[in-house]
Amino acid sequence: MESSDILITVADALGIFMTIVLPPLGAALAAGLIVGVLQAATQIQDQTLPQTVKLFVVIAVFAAMAGTLFHPLIRYTEAVFTGFPTMVP
């Protein structure tokens, strides 16, 4: 396996990683912003509230979009394991 093949494989893996991570990260960002504004408006000083809300939002996004998010990862893993004999000398 040449270095260009390794770079292509790693770039594909990073692209799939970004596809999986961005929707829950965006939802956690939005939830944190909303909870922060509500905490500022109501003057609640609880530090665990935003973390708990973000945790539940990320779990909900993963549960709702699991099939869509993890399908590229499953295809990529199958391709890596199928092509493994050609990768090693």
N, C-alpha and C. Protein backbone atom coordinates (compact mmCIF):
# COMPACT_ATOMS: atom_id res chain seq x y z
N MET A 1 0.85 -1.18 0.00
CA MET A 1 0.00 0.00 0.00
C MET A 1 0.89 1.23 0.00
N GLU A 2 0.64 2.13 -0.91
CA GLU A 2 1.44 3.33 -1.04
C GLU A 2 0.93 4.43 -0.11
N SER A 3 1.74 5.45 0.06
CA SER A 3 1.36 6.54 0.96
C SER A 3 0.16 7.31 0.43
N SER A 4 0.00 7.38 -0.88
CA SER A 4 -1.16 8.08 -1.42
C SER A 4 -2.45 7.31 -1.12
N ASP A 5 -2.37 5.99 -1.12
CA ASP A 5 -3.55 5.18 -0.77
C ASP A 5 -3.91 5.38 0.70
N ILE A 6 -2.91 5.49 1.54
CA ILE A 6 -3.16 5.71 2.96
C ILE A 6 -3.80 7.07 3.17
N LEU A 7 -3.30 8.08 2.48
CA LEU A 7 -3.87 9.42 2.61
C LEU A 7 -5.32 9.46 2.13
N ILE A 8 -5.62 8.77 1.06
CA ILE A 8 -7.00 8.71 0.56
C ILE A 8 -7.90 8.01 1.57
N THR A 9 -7.42 6.91 2.15
CA THR A 9 -8.20 6.18 3.14
C THR A 9 -8.46 7.03 4.38
N VAL A 10 -7.44 7.73 4.85
CA VAL A 10 -7.60 8.58 6.03
C VAL A 10 -8.53 9.76 5.72
N ALA A 11 -8.41 10.34 4.54
CA ALA A 11 -9.29 11.45 4.16
C ALA A 11 -10.74 11.00 4.08
N ASP A 12 -10.97 9.82 3.55
CA ASP A 12 -12.34 9.28 3.51
C ASP A 12 -12.87 9.05 4.92
N ALA A 13 -12.02 8.52 5.80
CA ALA A 13 -12.45 8.27 7.18
C ALA A 13 -12.77 9.58 7.90
N LEU A 14 -11.97 10.61 7.68
CA LEU A 14 -12.25 11.90 8.31
C LEU A 14 -13.53 12.54 7.76
N GLY A 15 -13.78 12.37 6.47
CA GLY A 15 -15.02 12.87 5.89
C GLY A 15 -16.24 12.19 6.49
N ILE A 16 -16.16 10.89 6.68
CA ILE A 16 -17.27 10.15 7.30
C ILE A 16 -17.44 10.57 8.75
N PHE A 17 -16.31 10.78 9.44
CA PHE A 17 -16.36 11.24 10.83
C PHE A 17 -17.08 12.58 10.93
N MET A 18 -16.76 13.50 10.03
CA MET A 18 -17.42 14.81 10.05
C MET A 18 -18.91 14.69 9.73
N THR A 19 -19.27 13.77 8.86
CA THR A 19 -20.68 13.56 8.54
C THR A 19 -21.45 13.05 9.75
N ILE A 20 -20.81 12.22 10.55
CA ILE A 20 -21.47 11.66 11.72
C ILE A 20 -21.54 12.68 12.86
N VAL A 21 -20.52 13.49 13.02
CA VAL A 21 -20.41 14.36 14.19
C VAL A 21 -21.16 15.68 14.03
N LEU A 22 -21.24 16.22 12.84
CA LEU A 22 -21.79 17.56 12.68
C LEU A 22 -23.27 17.72 13.08
N PRO A 23 -24.19 16.82 12.74
CA PRO A 23 -25.58 17.05 13.17
C PRO A 23 -25.77 17.08 14.69
N PRO A 24 -25.21 16.12 15.45
CA PRO A 24 -25.36 16.23 16.91
C PRO A 24 -24.64 17.44 17.49
N LEU A 25 -23.50 17.80 16.91
CA LEU A 25 -22.77 18.96 17.39
C LEU A 25 -23.56 20.24 17.16
N GLY A 26 -24.17 20.36 16.00
CA GLY A 26 -25.00 21.53 15.72
C GLY A 26 -26.22 21.60 16.63
N ALA A 27 -26.84 20.45 16.89
CA ALA A 27 -27.99 20.42 17.79
C ALA A 27 -27.58 20.78 19.21
N ALA A 28 -26.42 20.30 19.65
CA ALA A 28 -25.93 20.64 20.99
C ALA A 28 -25.60 22.13 21.09
N LEU A 29 -25.07 22.69 20.02
CA LEU A 29 -24.78 24.12 20.00
C LEU A 29 -26.06 24.95 20.13
N ALA A 30 -27.08 24.56 19.37
CA ALA A 30 -28.36 25.28 19.43
C ALA A 30 -29.01 25.13 20.79
N ALA A 31 -28.98 23.92 21.34
CA ALA A 31 -29.58 23.69 22.66
C ALA A 31 -28.84 24.47 23.74
N GLY A 32 -27.52 24.51 23.67
CA GLY A 32 -26.74 25.28 24.64
C GLY A 32 -27.03 26.76 24.56
N LEU A 33 -27.20 27.26 23.35
CA LEU A 33 -27.52 28.67 23.18
C LEU A 33 -28.90 29.00 23.75
N ILE A 34 -29.88 28.15 23.47
CA ILE A 34 -31.23 28.38 23.98
C ILE A 34 -31.26 28.30 25.51
N VAL A 35 -30.61 27.28 26.07
CA VAL A 35 -30.59 27.14 27.53
C VAL A 35 -29.83 28.31 28.16
N GLY A 36 -28.75 28.75 27.53
CA GLY A 36 -28.01 29.90 28.06
C GLY A 36 -28.83 31.16 28.08
N VAL A 37 -29.60 31.39 27.02
CA VAL A 37 -30.47 32.57 27.00
C VAL A 37 -31.56 32.45 28.06
N LEU A 38 -32.14 31.26 28.19
CA LEU A 38 -33.18 31.08 29.22
C LEU A 38 -32.60 31.23 30.63
N GLN A 39 -31.38 30.74 30.85
CA GLN A 39 -30.75 30.90 32.17
C GLN A 39 -30.47 32.37 32.45
N ALA A 40 -30.04 33.10 31.45
CA ALA A 40 -29.78 34.53 31.65
C ALA A 40 -31.06 35.29 31.92
N ALA A 41 -32.13 34.90 31.24
CA ALA A 41 -33.41 35.60 31.43
C ALA A 41 -34.02 35.31 32.79
N THR A 42 -33.86 34.07 33.26
CA THR A 42 -34.48 33.70 34.54
C THR A 42 -33.50 33.77 35.71
N GLN A 43 -32.24 34.08 35.46
CA GLN A 43 -31.18 34.17 36.45
C GLN A 43 -30.98 32.88 37.25
N ILE A 44 -31.12 31.76 36.56
CA ILE A 44 -30.83 30.46 37.17
C ILE A 44 -29.32 30.24 37.06
N GLN A 45 -28.66 29.89 38.15
CA GLN A 45 -27.21 29.76 38.16
C GLN A 45 -26.74 28.31 38.22
N ASP A 46 -27.56 27.39 37.78
CA ASP A 46 -27.20 25.97 37.80
C ASP A 46 -26.25 25.66 36.66
N GLN A 47 -25.08 25.08 36.97
CA GLN A 47 -24.08 24.80 35.94
C GLN A 47 -24.31 23.47 35.24
N THR A 48 -25.07 22.59 35.84
CA THR A 48 -25.27 21.27 35.24
C THR A 48 -26.44 21.24 34.27
N LEU A 49 -27.30 22.22 34.31
CA LEU A 49 -28.47 22.25 33.44
C LEU A 49 -28.12 22.26 31.95
N PRO A 50 -27.21 23.13 31.49
CA PRO A 50 -26.90 23.11 30.05
C PRO A 50 -26.25 21.80 29.61
N GLN A 51 -25.39 21.21 30.46
CA GLN A 51 -24.73 19.97 30.07
C GLN A 51 -25.74 18.83 29.96
N THR A 52 -26.69 18.79 30.88
CA THR A 52 -27.70 17.75 30.86
C THR A 52 -28.59 17.87 29.62
N VAL A 53 -29.01 19.09 29.33
CA VAL A 53 -29.86 19.31 28.15
C VAL A 53 -29.10 18.94 26.88
N LYS A 54 -27.84 19.35 26.77
CA LYS A 54 -27.05 19.03 25.58
C LYS A 54 -26.85 17.52 25.44
N LEU A 55 -26.63 16.84 26.55
CA LEU A 55 -26.46 15.38 26.51
C LEU A 55 -27.72 14.71 25.97
N PHE A 56 -28.88 15.11 26.46
CA PHE A 56 -30.13 14.52 26.00
C PHE A 56 -30.42 14.87 24.53
N VAL A 57 -30.05 16.07 24.12
CA VAL A 57 -30.25 16.47 22.72
C VAL A 57 -29.37 15.63 21.80
N VAL A 58 -28.11 15.43 22.18
CA VAL A 58 -27.20 14.62 21.36
C VAL A 58 -27.69 13.18 21.28
N ILE A 59 -28.14 12.63 22.39
CA ILE A 59 -28.67 11.26 22.40
C ILE A 59 -29.91 11.17 21.51
N ALA A 60 -30.78 12.18 21.57
CA ALA A 60 -31.99 12.18 20.75
C ALA A 60 -31.65 12.28 19.26
N VAL A 61 -30.66 13.09 18.92
CA VAL A 61 -30.28 13.22 17.51
C VAL A 61 -29.67 11.91 17.00
N PHE A 62 -28.80 11.30 17.81
CA PHE A 62 -28.23 10.01 17.41
C PHE A 62 -29.32 8.95 17.27
N ALA A 63 -30.29 8.94 18.17
CA ALA A 63 -31.36 7.95 18.09
C ALA A 63 -32.26 8.20 16.88
N ALA A 64 -32.54 9.45 16.59
CA ALA A 64 -33.44 9.76 15.48
C ALA A 64 -32.77 9.56 14.12
N MET A 65 -31.47 9.81 14.05
CA MET A 65 -30.78 9.78 12.76
C MET A 65 -29.76 8.65 12.65
N ALA A 66 -29.88 7.64 13.47
CA ALA A 66 -28.86 6.58 13.51
C ALA A 66 -28.68 5.90 12.15
N GLY A 67 -29.75 5.56 11.51
CA GLY A 67 -29.64 4.88 10.22
C GLY A 67 -29.00 5.75 9.16
N THR A 68 -29.37 7.02 9.14
CA THR A 68 -28.82 7.94 8.16
C THR A 68 -27.36 8.27 8.44
N LEU A 69 -27.03 8.47 9.70
CA LEU A 69 -25.68 8.87 10.05
C LEU A 69 -24.67 7.74 9.91
N PHE A 70 -25.05 6.54 10.30
CA PHE A 70 -24.07 5.46 10.37
C PHE A 70 -24.02 4.59 9.11
N HIS A 71 -24.89 4.83 8.16
CA HIS A 71 -24.86 4.05 6.91
C HIS A 71 -23.54 4.24 6.15
N PRO A 72 -23.03 5.47 5.98
CA PRO A 72 -21.73 5.61 5.30
C PRO A 72 -20.59 4.93 6.06
N LEU A 73 -20.64 4.94 7.38
CA LEU A 73 -19.60 4.28 8.17
C LEU A 73 -19.63 2.78 7.96
N ILE A 74 -20.81 2.22 7.89
CA ILE A 74 -20.93 0.77 7.67
C ILE A 74 -20.41 0.40 6.28
N ARG A 75 -20.77 1.20 5.26
CA ARG A 75 -20.27 0.94 3.90
C ARG A 75 -18.75 1.07 3.84
N TYR A 76 -18.20 2.07 4.50
CA TYR A 76 -16.75 2.28 4.51
C TYR A 76 -16.04 1.13 5.22
N THR A 77 -16.58 0.69 6.33
CA THR A 77 -15.98 -0.42 7.07
C THR A 77 -16.01 -1.69 6.23
N GLU A 78 -17.12 -1.95 5.57
CA GLU A 78 -17.18 -3.12 4.69
C GLU A 78 -16.17 -3.03 3.57
N ALA A 79 -15.99 -1.85 3.00
CA ALA A 79 -15.02 -1.67 1.91
C ALA A 79 -13.59 -1.87 2.40
N VAL A 80 -13.31 -1.39 3.60
CA VAL A 80 -11.96 -1.57 4.15
C VAL A 80 -11.68 -3.04 4.41
N PHE A 81 -12.61 -3.73 5.02
CA PHE A 81 -12.39 -5.15 5.32
C PHE A 81 -12.39 -6.00 4.06
N THR A 82 -13.16 -5.60 3.06
CA THR A 82 -13.14 -6.34 1.79
C THR A 82 -11.83 -6.14 1.05
N GLY A 83 -11.32 -4.91 1.07
CA GLY A 83 -10.09 -4.62 0.38
C GLY A 83 -8.84 -4.85 1.20
N PHE A 84 -8.97 -5.36 2.38
CA PHE A 84 -7.82 -5.56 3.27
C PHE A 84 -6.74 -6.48 2.67
N PRO A 85 -7.10 -7.58 2.01
CA PRO A 85 -6.04 -8.43 1.43
C PRO A 85 -5.19 -7.70 0.38
N THR A 86 -5.76 -6.72 -0.31
CA THR A 86 -4.96 -5.98 -1.29
C THR A 86 -4.15 -4.87 -0.65
N MET A 87 -4.49 -4.51 0.58
CA MET A 87 -3.76 -3.44 1.27
C MET A 87 -2.45 -3.90 1.86
N VAL A 88 -2.40 -5.13 2.31
CA VAL A 88 -1.18 -5.63 2.96
C VAL A 88 -0.33 -6.36 1.93
N PRO A 89 0.99 -6.26 2.08
CA PRO A 89 1.85 -6.96 1.09
C PRO A 89 1.90 -8.44 1.29
